[in-house]
Amino acid sequence: MNLGASEIVLIVIVLLLLFGGKKLPELARGIGRGMVEFRRATQDIQREIQSSIEVPPTSPKTTPKTAPSEPTPSQTASKSVNDSENPPSPTSEKPS
């Protein structure tokens, strides 16, 4: 889309008629600030995307967890034998 000098002059005249001489600088300032804010936001997004591409996230090395297995009958029997061999000491209980 190529704009020649005559088209630009026509656009400026229409803008002057619509907004007036006092409002036109305020309008241009607002448009300029909007363009700067938009450019800043797009640069921030580009930097964020670029940094995420350059540095892949590190995942912690984990071993696969297995569900705890239930004790076998022999393990249960040996546990009850061990418990009976070591009865609680009488000093750990307080007399009432």
Protein backbone atom coordinates (compact mmCIF):
# COMPACT_ATOMS: atom_id res chain seq x y z
CA MET A 1 0.00 0.00 0.00
CA ASN A 2 1.82 3.05 -1.29
CA LEU A 3 0.62 6.46 -0.20
CA GLY A 4 1.57 9.39 -2.32
CA ALA A 5 1.94 13.00 -1.16
CA SER A 6 -1.57 13.95 -2.30
CA GLU A 7 -3.17 11.11 -0.28
CA ILE A 8 -1.26 12.08 2.86
CA VAL A 9 -2.32 15.73 2.49
CA LEU A 10 -5.93 14.66 2.04
CA ILE A 11 -5.78 12.50 5.21
CA VAL A 12 -4.26 15.36 7.24
CA ILE A 13 -6.99 17.77 6.05
CA VAL A 14 -9.73 15.29 6.97
CA LEU A 15 -8.18 14.75 10.41
CA LEU A 16 -7.97 18.52 10.99
CA LEU A 17 -11.62 18.92 10.05
CA LEU A 18 -12.74 16.04 12.27
CA PHE A 19 -10.67 16.70 15.39
CA GLY A 20 -9.58 20.32 15.14
CA GLY A 21 -6.17 21.87 15.63
CA LYS A 22 -6.20 21.56 19.43
CA LYS A 23 -7.23 17.91 19.67
CA LEU A 24 -4.96 16.61 16.91
CA PRO A 25 -1.67 16.82 18.93
CA GLU A 26 -3.36 15.07 21.87
CA LEU A 27 -4.60 12.35 19.55
CA ALA A 28 -1.15 11.90 17.99
CA ARG A 29 0.44 11.73 21.46
CA GLY A 30 -2.03 9.05 22.55
CA ILE A 31 -1.42 7.01 19.41
CA GLY A 32 2.34 7.32 19.89
CA ARG A 33 2.14 6.16 23.52
CA GLY A 34 -0.03 3.25 22.48
CA MET A 35 2.44 2.22 19.80
CA VAL A 36 5.36 2.40 22.26
CA GLU A 37 3.48 0.29 24.82
CA PHE A 38 2.56 -2.26 22.15
CA ARG A 39 6.17 -2.47 20.94
CA ARG A 40 7.40 -2.92 24.52
CA ALA A 41 4.90 -5.72 25.15
CA THR A 42 5.82 -7.56 21.96
CA GLN A 43 9.55 -7.30 22.79
CA ASP A 44 8.90 -8.69 26.29
CA ILE A 45 6.99 -11.63 24.82
CA GLN A 46 9.74 -12.27 22.26
CA ARG A 47 12.41 -12.22 25.01
CA GLU A 48 10.39 -14.63 27.14
CA ILE A 49 9.89 -17.04 24.25
CA GLN A 50 13.55 -16.80 23.26
CA SER A 51 14.75 -17.48 26.82
CA SER A 52 12.44 -20.49 27.15
CA ILE A 53 13.80 -21.91 23.89
CA GLU A 54 17.47 -21.37 24.86
CA VAL A 55 17.26 -22.83 28.37
CA PRO A 56 15.16 -25.98 28.51
CA PRO A 57 13.72 -26.64 31.96
CA THR A 58 15.65 -29.20 33.96
CA SER A 59 13.68 -32.06 35.35
CA PRO A 60 14.81 -33.63 38.62
CA LYS A 61 16.10 -37.17 38.28
CA THR A 62 13.62 -39.40 40.02
CA THR A 63 13.37 -43.11 40.29
CA PRO A 64 10.05 -44.68 39.53
CA LYS A 65 8.16 -45.23 42.72
CA THR A 66 6.67 -48.63 43.32
CA ALA A 67 3.78 -49.31 45.61
CA PRO A 68 4.84 -50.77 48.95
CA SER A 69 4.24 -54.47 48.99
CA GLU A 70 2.35 -56.12 51.78
CA PRO A 71 4.46 -58.14 54.22
CA THR A 72 4.61 -61.82 53.62
CA PRO A 73 3.37 -64.17 56.36
CA SER A 74 6.96 -65.06 57.29
CA GLN A 75 7.80 -61.36 57.74
CA THR A 76 4.72 -60.87 59.91
CA ALA A 77 5.59 -63.93 62.04
CA SER A 78 9.18 -62.80 62.56
CA LYS A 79 7.99 -59.34 63.55
CA SER A 80 5.67 -60.74 66.22
CA VAL A 81 8.50 -62.95 67.52
CA ASN A 82 10.82 -59.93 67.72
CA ASP A 83 8.17 -57.95 69.59
CA SER A 84 7.77 -60.72 72.19
CA GLU A 85 11.54 -60.96 72.68
CA ASN A 86 11.83 -57.26 73.56
CA PRO A 87 8.99 -56.40 75.95
CA PRO A 88 8.68 -52.73 76.95
CA SER A 89 10.86 -51.80 79.90
CA PRO A 90 9.07 -51.07 83.20
CA THR A 91 10.76 -47.67 83.51
CA SER A 92 9.01 -46.35 80.41
CA GLU A 93 5.60 -46.75 82.08
CA LYS A 94 4.63 -44.32 84.83
CA PRO A 95 2.84 -45.76 87.87
CA SER A 96 -0.53 -44.22 88.56
